[in-house]
Amino acid sequence: MMPDKEDAEVLKALLPAVGIGTVAVVAIGLLGRAFTERRVYSQDGQYLVPVRYGQLHDIRDFVQPANPDVIAAYSQIGPDPWRLYDFVCRNIDYRRDIGEFWAFPSEVLAWEAADCEDTSNLLTSLLCCGGINAYTVIGDYQGYGHAWVDRGGQLYETTYTKARPVPDPEHYTPYCLFNDREVIELWPGALGEIFELGRDEVAKLNLIAAAIGNEVPPECPSCWPFMAVGLVTGGILGTGFAMILQKGEAV
């Protein structure tokens, strides 16, 4: 889906004034907006979501137990599930997207910063790498869109700064579970409904922190943006604008 005529005029007006790099950033935002009317596509057994620069990816592509970087991390940490959970919590800082961008496990390991679905996908990848049946779960946490990991009914909250039991599982409402092999919608259209949930990461982290008796510190003003968007031969590199938040628990 292309931006409408008004969006095209915005891009044309920006080009001479600010240069192609800034226009590329704006174009990403406009293309992302063009997809908001329909966020999930089903085709030939795939569940396609436009969560990387508007490009469609099967949601299962983001869980990668056979990824060499995942295998290397697992070989150093595994096979204990709790140690894998603790590794993700302690080593990946929380990063808030402005917009929607899903990172692959290699990117999360390299950047050491990600938001809830990215850290959940990394942990699911590590667990599945060891032959453990696990799923990334996306759903509702007290009215906000959220992601976590399920292993045999045990909930792992990857926004914590260390592995710990979740004290309020009743607040986690699953809509859809997935790993590299399958997607389980808990009712027809559940995956699409996830993208309609509230998006306020600070408010959500405060609720998560309150559940474990901690407060979320304010955002670090020196951390914006986390990664800049730049142009490289053959495409666009970077994550777009993002914000690093300190997690809701002191290490």
C-alpha atoms as a PDB file:
ATOM      1  CA  MET A   1       0.000   0.000   0.000  1.00  0.00           C
ATOM      2  CA  MET A   2       1.397   3.386  -1.011  1.00  0.00           C
ATOM      3  CA  PRO A   3       1.119   6.662   0.902  1.00  0.00           C
ATOM      4  CA  ASP A   4      -1.768   8.861  -0.278  1.00  0.00           C
ATOM      5  CA  LYS A   5      -1.414  11.986  -2.407  1.00  0.00           C
ATOM      6  CA  GLU A   6      -1.075  14.264   0.626  1.00  0.00           C
ATOM      7  CA  ASP A   7       1.760  12.121   2.007  1.00  0.00           C
ATOM      8  CA  ALA A   8       3.522  12.185  -1.369  1.00  0.00           C
ATOM      9  CA  GLU A   9       3.368  15.987  -1.394  1.00  0.00           C
ATOM     10  CA  VAL A  10       4.971  16.044   2.077  1.00  0.00           C
ATOM     11  CA  LEU A  11       7.861  13.931   0.811  1.00  0.00           C
ATOM     12  CA  LYS A  12       8.301  16.093  -2.290  1.00  0.00           C
ATOM     13  CA  ALA A  13       8.379  19.289  -0.237  1.00  0.00           C
ATOM     14  CA  LEU A  14      10.922  17.886   2.227  1.00  0.00           C
ATOM     15  CA  LEU A  15      13.418  16.628  -0.341  1.00  0.00           C
ATOM     16  CA  PRO A  16      15.195  19.888  -1.288  1.00  0.00           C
ATOM     17  CA  ALA A  17      14.981  21.351   2.210  1.00  0.00           C
ATOM     18  CA  VAL A  18      16.271  18.584   4.443  1.00  0.00           C
ATOM     19  CA  GLY A  19      17.910  16.032   2.173  1.00  0.00           C
ATOM     20  CA  ILE A  20      17.269  12.420   1.327  1.00  0.00           C
ATOM     21  CA  GLY A  21      18.259  10.996   4.742  1.00  0.00           C
ATOM     22  CA  THR A  22      15.501  12.837   6.592  1.00  0.00           C
ATOM     23  CA  VAL A  23      13.004  12.076   3.831  1.00  0.00           C
ATOM     24  CA  ALA A  24      13.836   8.388   4.255  1.00  0.00           C
ATOM     25  CA  VAL A  25      12.906   8.633   7.943  1.00  0.00           C
ATOM     26  CA  VAL A  26       9.633  10.363   7.124  1.00  0.00           C
ATOM     27  CA  ALA A  27       8.896   7.837   4.371  1.00  0.00           C
ATOM     28  CA  ILE A  28       9.244   4.978   6.848  1.00  0.00           C
ATOM     29  CA  GLY A  29       6.708   6.653   9.100  1.00  0.00           C
ATOM     30  CA  LEU A  30       4.256   7.239   6.261  1.00  0.00           C
ATOM     31  CA  LEU A  31       4.554   3.699   4.994  1.00  0.00           C
ATOM     32  CA  GLY A  32       4.001   2.431   8.520  1.00  0.00           C
ATOM     33  CA  ARG A  33       0.874   4.556   8.741  1.00  0.00           C
ATOM     34  CA  ALA A  34      -0.379   3.150   5.449  1.00  0.00           C
ATOM     35  CA  PHE A  35      -0.396  -0.317   7.010  1.00  0.00           C
ATOM     36  CA  THR A  36      -2.313   0.616  10.137  1.00  0.00           C
ATOM     37  CA  GLU A  37      -5.689  -0.111   8.568  1.00  0.00           C
ATOM     38  CA  ARG A  38      -4.741  -3.768   8.200  1.00  0.00           C
ATOM     39  CA  ARG A  39      -1.969  -5.072  10.393  1.00  0.00           C
ATOM     40  CA  VAL A  40      -2.134  -8.854   9.902  1.00  0.00           C
ATOM     41  CA  TYR A  41      -2.356 -10.832   6.674  1.00  0.00           C
ATOM     42  CA  SER A  42      -3.002 -14.562   6.344  1.00  0.00           C
ATOM     43  CA  GLN A  43      -1.604 -16.198   3.237  1.00  0.00           C
ATOM     44  CA  ASP A  44      -0.773 -19.845   2.508  1.00  0.00           C
ATOM     45  CA  GLY A  45      -0.645 -20.711   6.193  1.00  0.00           C
ATOM     46  CA  GLN A  46       1.522 -17.692   7.053  1.00  0.00           C
ATOM     47  CA  TYR A  47       0.735 -14.962   9.548  1.00  0.00           C
ATOM     48  CA  LEU A  48       2.251 -11.869   7.973  1.00  0.00           C
ATOM     49  CA  VAL A  49       2.824  -8.705   9.995  1.00  0.00           C
ATOM     50  CA  PRO A  50       4.355  -5.403   8.742  1.00  0.00           C
ATOM     51  CA  VAL A  51       6.678  -4.782  11.678  1.00  0.00           C
ATOM     52  CA  ARG A  52       9.979  -3.952   9.915  1.00  0.00           C
ATOM     53  CA  TYR A  53       9.812  -0.789   7.771  1.00  0.00           C
ATOM     54  CA  GLY A  54       6.352  -1.895   6.618  1.00  0.00           C
ATOM     55  CA  GLN A  55       7.723  -5.085   5.060  1.00  0.00           C
ATOM     56  CA  LEU A  56       5.690  -8.234   5.638  1.00  0.00           C
ATOM     57  CA  HIS A  57       7.239 -11.047   7.673  1.00  0.00           C
ATOM     58  CA  ASP A  58       5.744 -14.263   8.957  1.00  0.00           C
ATOM     59  CA  ILE A  59       5.543 -13.792  12.717  1.00  0.00           C
ATOM     60  CA  ARG A  60       7.396 -17.101  13.190  1.00  0.00           C
ATOM     61  CA  ASP A  61      10.462 -15.618  11.468  1.00  0.00           C
ATOM     62  CA  PHE A  62      11.312 -13.750  14.678  1.00  0.00           C
ATOM     63  CA  VAL A  63      11.910 -16.933  16.695  1.00  0.00           C
ATOM     64  CA  GLN A  64      15.173 -18.438  15.457  1.00  0.00           C
ATOM     65  CA  PRO A  65      16.510 -21.381  17.493  1.00  0.00           C
ATOM     66  CA  ALA A  66      18.817 -22.384  14.612  1.00  0.00           C
ATOM     67  CA  ASN A  67      20.377 -18.913  14.344  1.00  0.00           C
ATOM     68  CA  PRO A  68      24.187 -19.236  14.823  1.00  0.00           C
ATOM     69  CA  ASP A  69      24.229 -16.360  17.336  1.00  0.00           C
ATOM     70  CA  VAL A  70      21.447 -17.984  19.341  1.00  0.00           C
ATOM     71  CA  ILE A  71      23.263 -21.319  19.270  1.00  0.00           C
ATOM     72  CA  ALA A  72      26.480 -19.637  20.429  1.00  0.00           C
ATOM     73  CA  ALA A  73      24.692 -17.925  23.330  1.00  0.00           C
ATOM     74  CA  TYR A  74      22.903 -21.137  24.278  1.00  0.00           C
ATOM     75  CA  SER A  75      26.176 -23.088  24.282  1.00  0.00           C
ATOM     76  CA  GLN A  76      27.582 -20.641  26.845  1.00  0.00           C
ATOM     77  CA  ILE A  77      24.496 -20.378  29.075  1.00  0.00           C
ATOM     78  CA  GLY A  78      22.187 -23.378  28.601  1.00  0.00           C
ATOM     79  CA  PRO A  79      20.572 -25.735  29.137  1.00  0.00           C
ATOM     80  CA  ASP A  80      18.911 -24.573  32.374  1.00  0.00           C
ATOM     81  CA  PRO A  81      15.767 -22.558  31.456  1.00  0.00           C
ATOM     82  CA  TRP A  82      16.085 -20.253  34.461  1.00  0.00           C
ATOM     83  CA  ARG A  83      19.650 -19.338  33.544  1.00  0.00           C
ATOM     84  CA  LEU A  84      18.537 -18.536  29.993  1.00  0.00           C
ATOM     85  CA  TYR A  85      15.750 -16.363  31.394  1.00  0.00           C
ATOM     86  CA  ASP A  86      18.207 -14.623  33.718  1.00  0.00           C
ATOM     87  CA  PHE A  87      20.657 -14.021  30.863  1.00  0.00           C
ATOM     88  CA  VAL A  88      18.067 -12.176  28.795  1.00  0.00           C
ATOM     89  CA  CYS A  89      16.840 -10.119  31.756  1.00  0.00           C
ATOM     90  CA  ARG A  90      20.322  -9.070  32.879  1.00  0.00           C
ATOM     91  CA  ASN A  91      21.947  -8.470  29.504  1.00  0.00           C
ATOM     92  CA  ILE A  92      19.290  -6.810  27.341  1.00  0.00           C
ATOM     93  CA  ASP A  93      18.264  -3.271  28.347  1.00  0.00           C
ATOM     94  CA  TYR A  94      14.728  -2.139  27.724  1.00  0.00           C
ATOM     95  CA  ARG A  95      14.287   0.007  24.633  1.00  0.00           C
ATOM     96  CA  ARG A  96      11.003   1.624  23.688  1.00  0.00           C
ATOM     97  CA  ASP A  97      10.170   1.832  20.007  1.00  0.00           C
ATOM     98  CA  ILE A  98       8.519   4.928  18.611  1.00  0.00           C
ATOM     99  CA  GLY A  99       6.386   3.175  16.081  1.00  0.00           C
ATOM    100  CA  GLU A 100       6.588  -0.579  15.644  1.00  0.00           C
ATOM    101  CA  PHE A 101       9.842  -2.379  14.878  1.00  0.00           C
ATOM    102  CA  TRP A 102      10.567  -6.039  15.605  1.00  0.00           C
ATOM    103  CA  ALA A 103      14.212  -7.062  15.799  1.00  0.00           C
ATOM    104  CA  PHE A 104      15.650 -10.477  15.009  1.00  0.00           C
ATOM    105  CA  PRO A 105      17.502 -12.370  17.780  1.00  0.00           C
ATOM    106  CA  SER A 106      20.952 -11.596  16.311  1.00  0.00           C
ATOM    107  CA  GLU A 107      20.148  -7.887  16.385  1.00  0.00           C
ATOM    108  CA  VAL A 108      18.941  -8.043  19.978  1.00  0.00           C
ATOM    109  CA  LEU A 109      22.134  -9.821  21.058  1.00  0.00           C
ATOM    110  CA  ALA A 110      24.287  -7.304  19.175  1.00  0.00           C
ATOM    111  CA  TRP A 111      22.486  -4.156  20.330  1.00  0.00           C
ATOM    112  CA  GLU A 112      21.885  -5.392  23.907  1.00  0.00           C
ATOM    113  CA  ALA A 113      18.694  -3.328  23.938  1.00  0.00           C
ATOM    114  CA  ALA A 114      15.168  -4.188  22.867  1.00  0.00           C
ATOM    115  CA  ASP A 115      11.523  -3.997  23.867  1.00  0.00           C
ATOM    116  CA  CYS A 116       9.215  -6.699  25.168  1.00  0.00           C
ATOM    117  CA  GLU A 117       8.492  -8.667  21.996  1.00  0.00           C
ATOM    118  CA  ASP A 118      12.155  -8.665  20.976  1.00  0.00           C
ATOM    119  CA  THR A 119      13.442  -9.927  24.331  1.00  0.00           C
ATOM    120  CA  SER A 120      10.627 -12.475  24.439  1.00  0.00           C
ATOM    121  CA  ASN A 121      11.503 -13.729  20.965  1.00  0.00           C
ATOM    122  CA  LEU A 122      15.149 -14.007  21.978  1.00  0.00           C
ATOM    123  CA  LEU A 123      14.310 -16.039  25.079  1.00  0.00           C
ATOM    124  CA  THR A 124      11.900 -18.258  23.136  1.00  0.00           C
ATOM    125  CA  SER A 125      14.662 -18.826  20.576  1.00  0.00           C
ATOM    126  CA  LEU A 126      17.147 -19.809  23.304  1.00  0.00           C
ATOM    127  CA  LEU A 127      14.690 -22.169  24.987  1.00  0.00           C
ATOM    128  CA  CYS A 128      13.688 -23.824  21.713  1.00  0.00           C
ATOM    129  CA  CYS A 129      17.360 -24.125  20.805  1.00  0.00           C
ATOM    130  CA  GLY A 130      17.679 -26.476  23.762  1.00  0.00           C
ATOM    131  CA  GLY A 131      14.645 -28.488  22.742  1.00  0.00           C
ATOM    132  CA  ILE A 132      12.387 -26.851  25.327  1.00  0.00           C
ATOM    133  CA  ASN A 133       8.823 -26.271  24.190  1.00  0.00           C
ATOM    134  CA  ALA A 134       8.290 -22.522  24.623  1.00  0.00           C
ATOM    135  CA  TYR A 135       6.264 -19.763  23.013  1.00  0.00           C
ATOM    136  CA  THR A 136       6.342 -16.022  22.719  1.00  0.00           C
ATOM    137  CA  VAL A 137       2.984 -14.773  23.940  1.00  0.00           C
ATOM    138  CA  ILE A 138       1.535 -11.463  22.798  1.00  0.00           C
ATOM    139  CA  GLY A 139      -1.503 -10.054  24.497  1.00  0.00           C
ATOM    140  CA  ASP A 140      -2.819  -7.648  27.096  1.00  0.00           C
ATOM    141  CA  TYR A 141      -1.213  -6.462  30.327  1.00  0.00           C
ATOM    142  CA  GLN A 142      -3.711  -4.275  32.196  1.00  0.00           C
ATOM    143  CA  GLY A 143      -4.958  -2.688  28.988  1.00  0.00           C
ATOM    144  CA  TYR A 144      -1.606  -2.361  27.206  1.00  0.00           C
ATOM    145  CA  GLY A 145      -0.108  -4.457  24.433  1.00  0.00           C
ATOM    146  CA  HIS A 146       2.661  -6.654  25.812  1.00  0.00           C
ATOM    147  CA  ALA A 147       4.769  -9.742  25.114  1.00  0.00           C
ATOM    148  CA  TRP A 148       6.169 -12.427  27.398  1.00  0.00           C
ATOM    149  CA  VAL A 149       7.272 -16.078  27.256  1.00  0.00           C
ATOM    150  CA  ASP A 150       5.374 -19.223  28.186  1.00  0.00           C
ATOM    151  CA  ARG A 151       7.161 -22.469  29.038  1.00  0.00           C
ATOM    152  CA  GLY A 152       4.737 -25.198  29.953  1.00  0.00           C
ATOM    153  CA  GLY A 153       2.415 -22.759  31.688  1.00  0.00           C
ATOM    154  CA  GLN A 154       5.247 -20.883  33.449  1.00  0.00           C
ATOM    155  CA  LEU A 155       5.341 -17.182  32.607  1.00  0.00           C
ATOM    156  CA  TYR A 156       8.693 -15.410  32.006  1.00  0.00           C
ATOM    157  CA  GLU A 157       8.665 -11.593  32.090  1.00  0.00           C
ATOM    158  CA  THR A 158      11.702 -10.450  30.077  1.00  0.00           C
ATOM    159  CA  THR A 159      11.468  -6.765  31.060  1.00  0.00           C
ATOM    160  CA  TYR A 160      12.754  -7.635  34.554  1.00  0.00           C
ATOM    161  CA  THR A 161      16.446  -7.021  35.264  1.00  0.00           C
ATOM    162  CA  LYS A 162      16.898 -10.507  36.674  1.00  0.00           C
ATOM    163  CA  ALA A 163      15.002 -13.783  36.536  1.00  0.00           C
ATOM    164  CA  ARG A 164      12.211 -13.923  39.063  1.00  0.00           C
ATOM    165  CA  PRO A 165       8.711 -15.404  39.370  1.00  0.00           C
ATOM    166  CA  VAL A 166       5.887 -13.206  38.088  1.00  0.00           C
ATOM    167  CA  PRO A 167       3.748 -12.156  41.075  1.00  0.00           C
ATOM    168  CA  ASP A 168       0.633 -11.129  39.090  1.00  0.00           C
ATOM    169  CA  PRO A 169      -0.013 -13.705  36.338  1.00  0.00           C
ATOM    170  CA  GLU A 170      -3.714 -12.825  36.486  1.00  0.00           C
ATOM    171  CA  HIS A 171      -2.914  -9.532  34.740  1.00  0.00           C
ATOM    172  CA  TYR A 172      -1.416 -11.268  31.687  1.00  0.00           C
ATOM    173  CA  THR A 173      -4.105 -12.023  29.106  1.00  0.00           C
ATOM    174  CA  PRO A 174      -2.783 -13.998  26.115  1.00  0.00           C
ATOM    175  CA  TYR A 175      -4.160 -13.377  22.637  1.00  0.00           C
ATOM    176  CA  CYS A 176      -1.688 -15.333  20.519  1.00  0.00           C
ATOM    177  CA  LEU A 177       1.245 -17.728  21.088  1.00  0.00           C
ATOM    178  CA  PHE A 178       3.938 -18.514  18.543  1.00  0.00           C
ATOM    179  CA  ASN A 179       7.386 -19.973  18.027  1.00  0.00           C
ATOM    180  CA  ASP A 180       9.308 -20.956  14.917  1.00  0.00           C
ATOM    181  CA  ARG A 181       6.969 -23.867  14.207  1.00  0.00           C
ATOM    182  CA  GLU A 182       3.416 -22.697  14.845  1.00  0.00           C
ATOM    183  CA  VAL A 183       1.050 -19.851  15.603  1.00  0.00           C
ATOM    184  CA  ILE A 184      -1.830 -20.344  18.037  1.00  0.00           C
ATOM    185  CA  GLU A 185      -4.545 -17.685  18.000  1.00  0.00           C
ATOM    186  CA  LEU A 186      -6.756 -18.099  21.042  1.00  0.00           C
ATOM    187  CA  TRP A 187      -9.750 -16.921  18.993  1.00  0.00           C
ATOM    188  CA  PRO A 188     -10.191 -15.983  15.328  1.00  0.00           C
ATOM    189  CA  GLY A 189      -8.619 -12.594  14.612  1.00  0.00           C
ATOM    190  CA  ALA A 190      -6.820 -12.395  17.970  1.00  0.00           C
ATOM    191  CA  LEU A 191      -3.464 -11.576  16.382  1.00  0.00           C
ATOM    192  CA  GLY A 192      -4.886  -8.545  14.609  1.00  0.00           C
ATOM    193  CA  GLU A 193      -6.540  -7.300  17.792  1.00  0.00           C
ATOM    194  CA  ILE A 194      -3.158  -7.088  19.542  1.00  0.00           C
ATOM    195  CA  PHE A 195      -2.194  -4.112  17.415  1.00  0.00           C
ATOM    196  CA  GLU A 196      -5.302  -2.266  18.598  1.00  0.00           C
ATOM    197  CA  LEU A 197      -4.289  -2.394  22.278  1.00  0.00           C
ATOM    198  CA  GLY A 198      -2.954   0.641  24.133  1.00  0.00           C
ATOM    199  CA  ARG A 199       0.663   1.742  23.650  1.00  0.00           C
ATOM    200  CA  ASP A 200       2.180   3.567  26.608  1.00  0.00           C
ATOM    201  CA  GLU A 201       5.429   1.892  27.599  1.00  0.00           C
ATOM    202  CA  VAL A 202       6.129   4.121  30.596  1.00  0.00           C
ATOM    203  CA  ALA A 203       2.688   3.497  32.085  1.00  0.00           C
ATOM    204  CA  LYS A 204       2.990  -0.227  31.395  1.00  0.00           C
ATOM    205  CA  LEU A 205       6.441  -0.486  32.981  1.00  0.00           C
ATOM    206  CA  ASN A 206       5.184   1.384  36.025  1.00  0.00           C
ATOM    207  CA  LEU A 207       2.429  -1.212  36.435  1.00  0.00           C
ATOM    208  CA  ILE A 208       4.919  -4.070  36.027  1.00  0.00           C
ATOM    209  CA  ALA A 209       7.273  -2.424  38.496  1.00  0.00           C
ATOM    210  CA  ALA A 210       4.469  -1.819  40.997  1.00  0.00           C
ATOM    211  CA  ALA A 211       3.642  -5.522  40.905  1.00  0.00           C
ATOM    212  CA  ILE A 212       7.135  -6.338  42.172  1.00  0.00           C
ATOM    213  CA  GLY A 213       7.328  -3.385  44.562  1.00  0.00           C
ATOM    214  CA  ASN A 214       9.666  -1.145  42.579  1.00  0.00           C
ATOM    215  CA  GLU A 215       9.451   2.170  40.769  1.00  0.00           C
ATOM    216  CA  VAL A 216      10.498   2.824  37.189  1.00  0.00           C
ATOM    217  CA  PRO A 217      13.093   5.628  36.995  1.00  0.00           C
ATOM    218  CA  PRO A 218      12.433   8.390  34.449  1.00  0.00           C
ATOM    219  CA  GLU A 219      13.669   7.973  30.917  1.00  0.00           C
ATOM    220  CA  CYS A 220      17.292   8.851  30.302  1.00  0.00           C
ATOM    221  CA  PRO A 221      17.297  12.061  28.161  1.00  0.00           C
ATOM    222  CA  SER A 222      20.798  11.314  26.908  1.00  0.00           C
ATOM    223  CA  CYS A 223      19.577   8.102  25.297  1.00  0.00           C
ATOM    224  CA  TRP A 224      17.591   9.487  22.388  1.00  0.00           C
ATOM    225  CA  PRO A 225      17.692   8.294  19.804  1.00  0.00           C
ATOM    226  CA  PHE A 226      19.023   4.774  20.462  1.00  0.00           C
ATOM    227  CA  MET A 227      19.977   4.208  16.856  1.00  0.00           C
ATOM    228  CA  ALA A 228      19.870   6.627  13.949  1.00  0.00           C
ATOM    229  CA  VAL A 229      18.464   5.817  10.568  1.00  0.00           C
ATOM    230  CA  GLY A 230      20.981   6.056   7.754  1.00  0.00           C
ATOM    231  CA  LEU A 231      21.194   5.073   4.135  1.00  0.00           C
ATOM    232  CA  VAL A 232      23.493   2.331   2.880  1.00  0.00           C
ATOM    233  CA  THR A 233      23.861   0.735  -0.482  1.00  0.00           C
ATOM    234  CA  GLY A 234      20.954  -1.577  -1.090  1.00  0.00           C
ATOM    235  CA  GLY A 235      18.668  -0.384   1.696  1.00  0.00           C
ATOM    236  CA  ILE A 236      18.158   1.329   5.012  1.00  0.00           C
ATOM    237  CA  LEU A 237      20.141   0.413   8.103  1.00  0.00           C
ATOM    238  CA  GLY A 238      19.065   0.944  11.695  1.00  0.00           C
ATOM    239  CA  THR A 239      15.983   0.641  13.835  1.00  0.00           C
ATOM    240  CA  GLY A 240      14.428   4.064  13.509  1.00  0.00           C
ATOM    241  CA  PHE A 241      13.973   6.241  16.530  1.00  0.00           C
ATOM    242  CA  ALA A 242      13.790   4.498  19.868  1.00  0.00           C
ATOM    243  CA  MET A 243      14.228   5.209  23.537  1.00  0.00           C
ATOM    244  CA  ILE A 244      16.108   3.253  26.170  1.00  0.00           C
ATOM    245  CA  LEU A 245      14.273   2.966  29.445  1.00  0.00           C
ATOM    246  CA  GLN A 246      15.758   1.662  32.628  1.00  0.00           C
ATOM    247  CA  LYS A 247      13.923  -1.454  33.666  1.00  0.00           C
ATOM    248  CA  GLY A 248      11.514  -1.511  36.570  1.00  0.00           C
ATOM    249  CA  GLU A 249      13.815  -3.141  39.087  1.00  0.00           C
ATOM    250  CA  ALA A 250      17.216  -2.328  40.576  1.00  0.00           C
ATOM    251  CA  VAL A 251      19.934  -4.824  39.714  1.00  0.00           C
END
